[in-house]
């Protein structure tokens, strides 16, 4: 019996296979030949063989008729079930990369498409794993994912943080549950750039921590010794506490959450810097205005905001927000001070962030010198055929008058 017969086919229109042949992993609904293979005939998350318009097999994918991205490729081998042995191989390969780069078990273990597991993110905090599933295909094999991770790392706790907004686009429910172990600790320990932290699991942002800026936080350390640092959108103090660890004289954190600011103070204390940190709670734009009007100035300002551009249609408004926040940050810098400006908005190009910074400096009558450019770390590898996996950008710049 032909093994391919065990999987239904998803046929593409003529010429719609070009992007896939160069390595991209997404198929949009308007690229499917719905006359030959109606999308409505598939169940969300069903595994299919992707065919070109002539019926030639191209790859394996998980389909979701309810999503604009109607299918996501997981293997070029046909046939290939998304089963336990396959998951085990992909997870082992992901682990091997992280162990090549990092000496301690604190990193993003799985980064979706870049690790050949579209819709799956796993962050590792030693023996605690936080898993996010964002697609119907991965949700359908949730049990196998849990079993494969358990076999690979024997975690003491595995938390499913399946409460991201992107699940709505896949027609998936939102939930948080402990799949392995328990009780769930309120805080999880981690170490980054020789600095200790405790991060919230179920009540924190995303998976509790942002590993992607590890290299940028490391580079900032070269600019902070004996300087006053302002950490805007600080969350639980990742930038600020590492600055103190690198010799900063004092750090001020700004965040809208009082709980997260308390954790920033807590993390400073873990590293022996409890007396060198202060916090300001409120809207970052308004707090920066207040600091400017009060004549406050800092030697270093860190801007690591949430995504101001989550959808393409938000681009104009988001660009204005990036320019505005950079202008305010530059207004509280001493002449010759250093600004780290970052963006996690994939819809914002690197050149657009730099242009927002340039315009902000020009309006302020300031001079801008770019010192370094930052990127996401090796535990967030970029898929060369998928620009969507290359989202993080940062600039270190000197601002003068």
Protein backbone atom coordinates (compact mmCIF):
# COMPACT_ATOMS: atom_id res chain seq x y z
CA UNK A 1 0.00 0.00 0.00
CA UNK A 2 1.23 3.53 -0.84
CA UNK A 3 2.17 5.21 2.45
CA UNK A 4 1.16 8.61 1.09
CA UNK A 5 -2.44 7.39 0.92
CA UNK A 6 -2.69 7.59 4.71
CA UNK A 7 -2.54 11.40 4.55
CA UNK A 8 -4.97 13.66 2.67
CA UNK A 9 -3.57 16.03 0.07
CA UNK A 10 -3.53 19.81 0.06
CA UNK A 11 -2.98 21.05 -3.47
CA UNK A 12 -1.56 24.43 -4.39
CA UNK A 13 -2.44 26.65 -7.31
CA UNK A 14 0.01 26.96 -10.18
CA UNK A 15 3.22 28.86 -9.25
CA UNK A 16 2.21 29.06 -5.59
CA UNK A 17 4.94 26.61 -4.63
CA UNK A 18 7.83 28.96 -5.41
CA UNK A 19 8.12 30.38 -1.90
CA UNK A 20 8.00 26.90 -0.38
CA UNK A 21 10.72 25.60 -2.68
CA UNK A 22 13.18 28.19 -1.39
CA UNK A 23 12.45 27.22 2.19
CA UNK A 24 9.46 29.18 3.48
CA UNK A 25 7.10 27.19 5.71
CA UNK A 26 3.74 28.96 5.46
CA UNK A 27 0.89 28.48 3.01
CA UNK A 28 -1.80 31.15 2.82
CA UNK A 29 -5.42 30.31 2.10
CA UNK A 30 -5.41 32.12 -1.27
CA UNK A 31 -2.57 29.87 -2.46
CA UNK A 32 -4.62 26.68 -2.11
CA UNK A 33 -6.47 25.12 -5.05
CA UNK A 34 -9.77 24.89 -3.20
CA UNK A 35 -11.51 23.31 -6.19
CA UNK A 36 -9.18 20.31 -6.03
CA UNK A 37 -8.80 20.26 -2.23
CA UNK A 38 -11.43 22.38 -0.43
CA UNK A 39 -10.12 23.78 2.85
CA UNK A 40 -13.46 23.11 4.47
CA UNK A 41 -12.81 19.39 4.07
CA UNK A 42 -9.98 19.47 6.62
CA UNK A 43 -10.04 19.40 10.40
CA UNK A 44 -8.02 22.04 12.31
CA UNK A 45 -4.52 20.68 12.90
CA UNK A 46 -4.84 17.77 10.47
CA UNK A 47 -1.59 16.51 8.92
CA UNK A 48 -1.53 16.70 5.11
CA UNK A 49 0.72 16.16 2.12
CA UNK A 50 1.29 19.43 0.29
CA UNK A 51 1.26 19.02 -3.49
CA UNK A 52 2.07 21.36 -6.35
CA UNK A 53 -0.60 22.06 -8.98
CA UNK A 54 0.30 18.86 -10.87
CA UNK A 55 -0.12 16.69 -7.78
CA UNK A 56 3.61 16.21 -7.06
CA UNK A 57 4.28 15.86 -3.30
CA UNK A 58 6.32 18.72 -1.81
CA UNK A 59 6.18 18.49 1.96
CA UNK A 60 4.19 17.65 5.07
CA UNK A 61 2.14 20.27 6.87
CA UNK A 62 -0.54 20.86 9.48
CA UNK A 63 -3.61 22.55 8.06
CA UNK A 64 -6.10 24.91 9.65
CA UNK A 65 -9.02 26.01 7.44
CA UNK A 66 -9.98 28.72 9.95
CA UNK A 67 -6.67 30.58 9.70
CA UNK A 68 -5.27 32.98 7.10
CA UNK A 69 -2.10 30.89 7.29
CA UNK A 70 -3.91 27.77 6.20
CA UNK A 71 -0.98 25.36 6.53
CA UNK A 72 2.47 25.25 8.14
CA UNK A 73 5.16 22.91 6.87
CA UNK A 74 6.94 20.69 9.38
CA UNK A 75 8.89 18.32 7.10
CA UNK A 76 10.15 18.04 3.53
CA UNK A 77 10.12 14.26 3.82
CA UNK A 78 6.98 12.66 2.42
CA UNK A 79 5.34 10.85 4.07
CA UNK A 80 6.31 11.92 7.59
CA UNK A 81 3.86 11.74 10.49
CA UNK A 82 4.18 14.32 13.23
CA UNK A 83 4.71 11.57 15.77
CA UNK A 84 6.77 10.88 18.87
CA UNK A 85 10.00 9.78 17.11
CA UNK A 86 9.85 12.85 14.85
CA UNK A 87 9.32 15.18 17.82
CA UNK A 88 12.14 13.50 19.70
CA UNK A 89 14.58 14.11 16.82
CA UNK A 90 13.61 17.75 16.43
CA UNK A 91 13.78 18.42 20.17
CA UNK A 92 17.17 16.70 20.44
CA UNK A 93 18.51 18.86 17.60
CA UNK A 94 17.18 21.99 19.30
CA UNK A 95 18.80 20.98 22.60
CA UNK A 96 22.13 20.28 20.88
CA UNK A 97 22.22 23.83 19.49
CA UNK A 98 21.54 25.41 22.90
CA UNK A 99 24.11 23.22 24.63
CA UNK A 100 26.66 24.26 22.01
CA UNK A 101 26.12 27.93 22.85
CA UNK A 102 25.17 28.07 26.54
CA UNK A 103 26.87 26.58 29.59
CA UNK A 104 23.83 26.86 31.86
CA UNK A 105 20.28 25.56 31.27
CA UNK A 106 18.50 28.89 30.88
CA UNK A 107 17.38 29.61 27.32
CA UNK A 108 14.65 29.28 24.70
CA UNK A 109 14.79 25.60 23.88
CA UNK A 110 12.38 25.67 20.91
CA UNK A 111 11.72 28.64 18.64
CA UNK A 112 8.92 27.53 16.31
CA UNK A 113 9.67 27.41 12.60
CA UNK A 114 13.38 28.01 13.12
CA UNK A 115 13.60 24.68 14.96
CA UNK A 116 11.30 22.88 12.55
CA UNK A 117 8.37 22.86 14.97
CA UNK A 118 5.96 25.58 13.80
CA UNK A 119 3.62 26.82 16.50
CA UNK A 120 5.74 25.56 19.41
CA UNK A 121 7.81 27.64 21.85
CA UNK A 122 9.59 26.18 24.88
CA UNK A 123 11.54 28.21 27.43
CA UNK A 124 13.82 26.39 29.82
CA UNK A 125 14.53 27.39 33.41
CA UNK A 126 16.76 24.45 34.35
CA UNK A 127 14.28 21.70 35.31
CA UNK A 128 11.21 23.89 34.75
CA UNK A 129 9.81 24.17 31.23
CA UNK A 130 7.27 26.72 30.03
CA UNK A 131 5.53 25.71 26.81
CA UNK A 132 3.46 27.84 24.45
CA UNK A 133 1.41 26.25 21.69
CA UNK A 134 0.04 28.70 19.14
CA UNK A 135 -1.27 26.54 16.29
CA UNK A 136 -3.98 23.92 15.86
CA UNK A 137 -1.43 21.43 14.54
CA UNK A 138 0.63 21.52 17.73
CA UNK A 139 -2.45 21.65 19.94
CA UNK A 140 -3.64 18.43 18.35
CA UNK A 141 -0.45 16.60 19.42
CA UNK A 142 -0.11 18.30 22.81
CA UNK A 143 0.13 15.00 24.65
CA UNK A 144 2.98 13.78 22.41
CA UNK A 145 4.83 17.08 22.92
CA UNK A 146 4.59 16.75 26.69
CA UNK A 147 5.76 13.13 26.55
CA UNK A 148 8.69 13.99 24.26
CA UNK A 149 9.86 16.84 26.49
CA UNK A 150 9.51 14.63 29.55
CA UNK A 151 11.63 11.92 27.94
CA UNK A 152 14.29 14.41 26.86
CA UNK A 153 14.73 16.51 30.02
CA UNK A 154 12.68 14.96 32.83
CA UNK A 155 11.38 18.38 33.98
CA UNK A 156 10.20 18.78 37.56
CA UNK A 157 7.47 21.13 36.28
CA UNK A 158 6.06 21.67 32.79
CA UNK A 159 3.70 24.62 32.50
CA UNK A 160 1.47 25.21 29.47
CA UNK A 161 1.12 28.99 29.01
CA UNK A 162 -1.43 28.76 26.22
CA UNK A 163 -2.94 32.19 26.78
CA UNK A 164 -1.45 34.21 23.92
CA UNK A 165 -3.63 36.38 21.67
CA UNK A 166 -2.29 34.58 18.58
CA UNK A 167 -4.24 31.44 19.55
CA UNK A 168 -7.46 33.28 18.72
CA UNK A 169 -6.33 33.50 15.08
CA UNK A 170 -6.16 29.71 15.05
CA UNK A 171 -9.56 29.32 16.70
CA UNK A 172 -7.99 27.93 19.88
CA UNK A 173 -9.12 28.44 23.46
CA UNK A 174 -6.95 30.19 26.01
CA UNK A 175 -5.76 28.33 29.11
CA UNK A 176 -2.88 27.87 31.55
CA UNK A 177 -2.26 24.51 33.16
CA UNK A 178 0.47 22.47 34.80
CA UNK A 179 1.02 19.34 32.71
CA UNK A 180 3.87 17.81 34.71
CA UNK A 181 4.77 18.14 38.38
CA UNK A 182 3.59 20.71 40.82
CA UNK A 183 2.74 22.61 42.79
CA UNK A 184 3.75 25.42 40.47
CA UNK A 185 6.26 27.78 42.11
CA UNK A 186 5.28 31.45 42.07
CA UNK A 187 8.78 32.41 40.92
CA UNK A 188 11.32 30.54 38.84
CA UNK A 189 15.08 31.03 39.19
CA UNK A 190 17.35 31.79 36.25
CA UNK A 191 20.74 33.23 35.50
CA UNK A 192 21.71 35.52 32.64
CA UNK A 193 25.06 37.19 32.04
CA UNK A 194 26.28 36.22 35.53
CA UNK A 195 23.21 37.85 37.13
CA UNK A 196 20.58 36.04 39.19
CA UNK A 197 16.85 36.57 38.72
CA UNK A 198 13.53 35.22 39.85
CA UNK A 199 10.72 35.52 37.31
CA UNK A 200 6.95 34.99 37.66
CA UNK A 201 5.61 31.97 35.81
CA UNK A 202 1.83 31.99 35.53
CA UNK A 203 1.39 35.70 36.25
CA UNK A 204 4.31 37.11 34.27
CA UNK A 205 4.58 38.36 30.72
CA UNK A 206 4.80 35.75 27.95
CA UNK A 207 6.68 32.77 29.45
CA UNK A 208 7.97 34.85 32.38
CA UNK A 209 11.24 36.03 30.84
CA UNK A 210 12.61 37.50 27.60
CA UNK A 211 15.70 35.50 26.65
CA UNK A 212 15.92 37.15 23.23
CA UNK A 213 17.75 40.28 24.47
CA UNK A 214 20.51 38.37 26.28
CA UNK A 215 23.31 39.55 23.95
CA UNK A 216 22.08 43.14 23.90
CA UNK A 217 21.95 43.27 27.69
CA UNK A 218 25.48 41.91 27.74
CA UNK A 219 26.72 44.60 25.34
CA UNK A 220 25.06 47.36 27.35
CA UNK A 221 27.27 46.46 30.30
CA UNK A 222 30.27 48.06 28.58
CA UNK A 223 28.58 51.48 28.80
CA UNK A 224 27.16 51.62 32.32
CA UNK A 225 30.04 51.57 34.80
CA UNK A 226 29.68 54.33 37.41
CA UNK A 227 26.74 55.80 35.50
CA UNK A 228 23.10 56.54 36.27
CA UNK A 229 20.81 54.31 34.24
CA UNK A 230 17.12 54.67 33.41
CA UNK A 231 15.39 51.41 32.48
CA UNK A 232 12.09 52.22 30.71
CA UNK A 233 9.44 49.47 30.33
CA UNK A 234 11.59 47.59 32.83
CA UNK A 235 9.31 44.60 33.59
CA UNK A 236 11.22 42.80 36.39
CA UNK A 237 14.54 44.56 35.91
CA UNK A 238 16.41 42.48 33.33
CA UNK A 239 18.30 45.47 31.91
CA UNK A 240 18.58 47.51 35.08
CA UNK A 241 19.77 44.78 37.42
CA UNK A 242 22.36 43.60 34.91
CA UNK A 243 23.55 47.20 34.63
CA UNK A 244 24.01 47.30 38.41
CA UNK A 245 25.89 44.02 38.24
CA UNK A 246 28.20 45.64 35.66
CA UNK A 247 29.01 48.57 37.95
CA UNK A 248 26.27 51.15 37.34
CA UNK A 249 26.10 53.75 40.11
CA UNK A 250 22.29 53.72 40.29
CA UNK A 251 19.31 52.45 38.29
CA UNK A 252 15.77 53.79 38.02
CA UNK A 253 13.11 51.44 36.64
CA UNK A 254 9.86 52.57 34.99
CA UNK A 255 6.93 50.20 34.54
CA UNK A 256 3.14 50.38 34.68
CA UNK A 257 2.96 47.38 37.03
CA UNK A 258 3.70 47.82 40.71
CA UNK A 259 4.09 44.07 41.13
CA UNK A 260 6.74 43.86 38.43
CA UNK A 261 8.61 46.81 39.95
CA UNK A 262 8.63 45.03 43.31
CA UNK A 263 10.17 42.05 41.57
CA UNK A 264 12.78 44.33 39.97
CA UNK A 265 13.75 45.49 43.48
CA UNK A 266 13.75 41.88 44.64
CA UNK A 267 16.08 40.88 41.79
CA UNK A 268 18.42 43.77 42.56
CA UNK A 269 18.56 42.51 46.14
CA UNK A 270 19.38 38.97 44.98
CA UNK A 271 22.56 40.40 43.48
CA UNK A 272 23.47 42.68 46.39
CA UNK A 273 22.23 45.96 44.87
CA UNK A 274 19.07 46.65 46.86
CA UNK A 275 20.21 50.17 47.78
CA UNK A 276 21.06 51.20 44.21
CA UNK A 277 17.66 50.72 42.57
CA UNK A 278 14.59 52.96 42.59
CA UNK A 279 11.28 52.57 40.79
CA UNK A 280 8.67 54.81 39.18
CA UNK A 281 5.26 53.33 38.44
CA UNK A 282 3.12 54.70 35.62
CA UNK A 283 2.72 55.15 31.89
CA UNK A 284 6.22 55.37 30.41
CA UNK A 285 5.41 58.35 28.20
CA UNK A 286 3.97 60.33 31.10
CA UNK A 287 6.75 59.39 33.53
CA UNK A 288 9.39 60.45 31.01
CA UNK A 289 7.61 63.77 30.55
CA UNK A 290 7.62 64.26 34.30
CA UNK A 291 11.34 63.51 34.54
CA UNK A 292 12.06 65.91 31.68
CA UNK A 293 10.00 68.70 33.21
CA UNK A 294 11.73 68.16 36.56
CA UNK A 295 15.13 68.59 34.90
CA UNK A 296 16.24 65.01 35.61
CA UNK A 297 19.03 63.55 33.47
CA UNK A 298 20.63 60.13 33.15
CA UNK A 299 23.86 58.85 31.62
CA UNK A 300 22.21 55.82 30.00
CA UNK A 301 18.59 55.22 28.98
CA UNK A 302 17.21 51.83 27.94
CA UNK A 303 14.06 51.69 25.78
CA UNK A 304 12.70 48.16 25.40
CA UNK A 305 8.97 48.74 24.80
CA UNK A 306 6.27 46.20 23.96
CA UNK A 307 5.43 45.87 20.28
CA UNK A 308 3.89 49.18 19.18
CA UNK A 309 3.10 47.61 15.78
CA UNK A 310 1.35 44.26 16.23
CA UNK A 311 -0.42 44.37 12.88
CA UNK A 312 0.59 45.94 9.59
CA UNK A 313 -2.34 48.35 9.75
CA UNK A 314 -0.90 49.78 12.99
CA UNK A 315 2.33 50.85 11.25
CA UNK A 316 1.67 54.58 10.98
CA UNK A 317 0.52 54.97 14.56
CA UNK A 318 3.25 52.66 15.83
CA UNK A 319 6.02 54.52 13.99
CA UNK A 320 4.84 57.74 15.60
CA UNK A 321 4.98 56.06 19.03
CA UNK A 322 8.55 54.86 18.47
CA UNK A 323 9.62 58.35 17.43
CA UNK A 324 7.84 59.94 20.39
CA UNK A 325 9.27 57.58 23.02
CA UNK A 326 12.78 57.99 21.60
CA UNK A 327 12.43 61.75 21.62
CA UNK A 328 11.37 61.73 25.28
CA UNK A 329 14.23 59.37 26.20
CA UNK A 330 16.79 61.62 24.51
CA UNK A 331 15.44 64.63 26.41
CA UNK A 332 16.42 63.05 29.74
CA UNK A 333 19.91 62.04 28.60
CA UNK A 334 22.99 64.03 29.52
CA UNK A 335 24.93 65.36 26.54
CA UNK A 336 27.08 62.48 25.37
CA UNK A 337 24.81 59.97 27.07
CA UNK A 338 24.03 56.52 25.67
CA UNK A 339 20.64 55.34 24.44
CA UNK A 340 19.73 51.71 23.83
CA UNK A 341 16.60 51.68 21.70
CA UNK A 342 14.94 48.38 20.82
CA UNK A 343 11.87 47.03 19.05
CA UNK A 344 10.29 43.58 19.00
CA UNK A 345 7.77 44.59 16.30
CA UNK A 346 8.37 42.40 13.26
CA UNK A 347 6.40 44.89 11.14
CA UNK A 348 8.96 47.59 12.01
CA UNK A 349 12.04 47.30 9.83
CA UNK A 350 15.47 47.88 11.32
CA UNK A 351 15.92 50.90 9.08
CA UNK A 352 12.61 52.35 10.32
CA UNK A 353 13.68 52.15 13.95
CA UNK A 354 16.89 53.99 13.11
CA UNK A 355 14.92 56.59 11.16
CA UNK A 356 12.60 57.11 14.14
CA UNK A 357 15.67 57.69 16.31
CA UNK A 358 17.19 60.06 13.76
CA UNK A 359 14.01 62.12 13.52
CA UNK A 360 13.68 62.23 17.31
CA UNK A 361 17.22 63.55 17.66
CA UNK A 362 16.72 66.10 14.88
CA UNK A 363 13.52 67.48 16.46
CA UNK A 364 15.35 67.78 19.78
CA UNK A 365 18.30 69.48 18.14
CA UNK A 366 20.58 66.62 19.14
CA UNK A 367 23.36 64.71 17.43
CA UNK A 368 23.15 60.92 17.09
CA UNK A 369 26.05 58.48 16.70
CA UNK A 370 25.26 54.78 16.25
CA UNK A 371 27.76 52.69 18.21
CA UNK A 372 26.39 49.15 17.88
CA UNK A 373 23.51 47.21 16.39
CA UNK A 374 21.80 44.42 18.32
CA UNK A 375 19.95 41.27 17.37
CA UNK A 376 18.17 38.33 18.96
CA UNK A 377 20.31 35.64 20.58
CA UNK A 378 21.31 32.21 19.29
CA UNK A 379 18.41 30.53 21.09
CA UNK A 380 16.15 32.48 18.71
CA UNK A 381 17.80 31.38 15.43
CA UNK A 382 16.65 33.03 12.21
CA UNK A 383 15.25 30.84 9.44
CA UNK A 384 16.96 32.23 6.31
CA UNK A 385 13.83 31.85 4.16
CA UNK A 386 11.49 33.34 6.76
CA UNK A 387 11.93 37.00 7.58
CA UNK A 388 9.14 36.54 10.10
CA UNK A 389 11.62 34.80 12.43
CA UNK A 390 13.95 37.83 12.38
CA UNK A 391 12.06 40.30 14.54
CA UNK A 392 14.31 41.80 17.22
CA UNK A 393 16.40 44.86 16.61
CA UNK A 394 18.33 47.24 18.83
CA UNK A 395 20.66 50.23 18.50
CA UNK A 396 23.20 51.55 20.96
CA UNK A 397 23.74 55.22 20.21
CA UNK A 398 25.50 58.21 21.70
CA UNK A 399 23.36 61.35 21.92
CA UNK A 400 24.95 64.79 22.05
CA UNK A 401 23.91 68.39 21.82
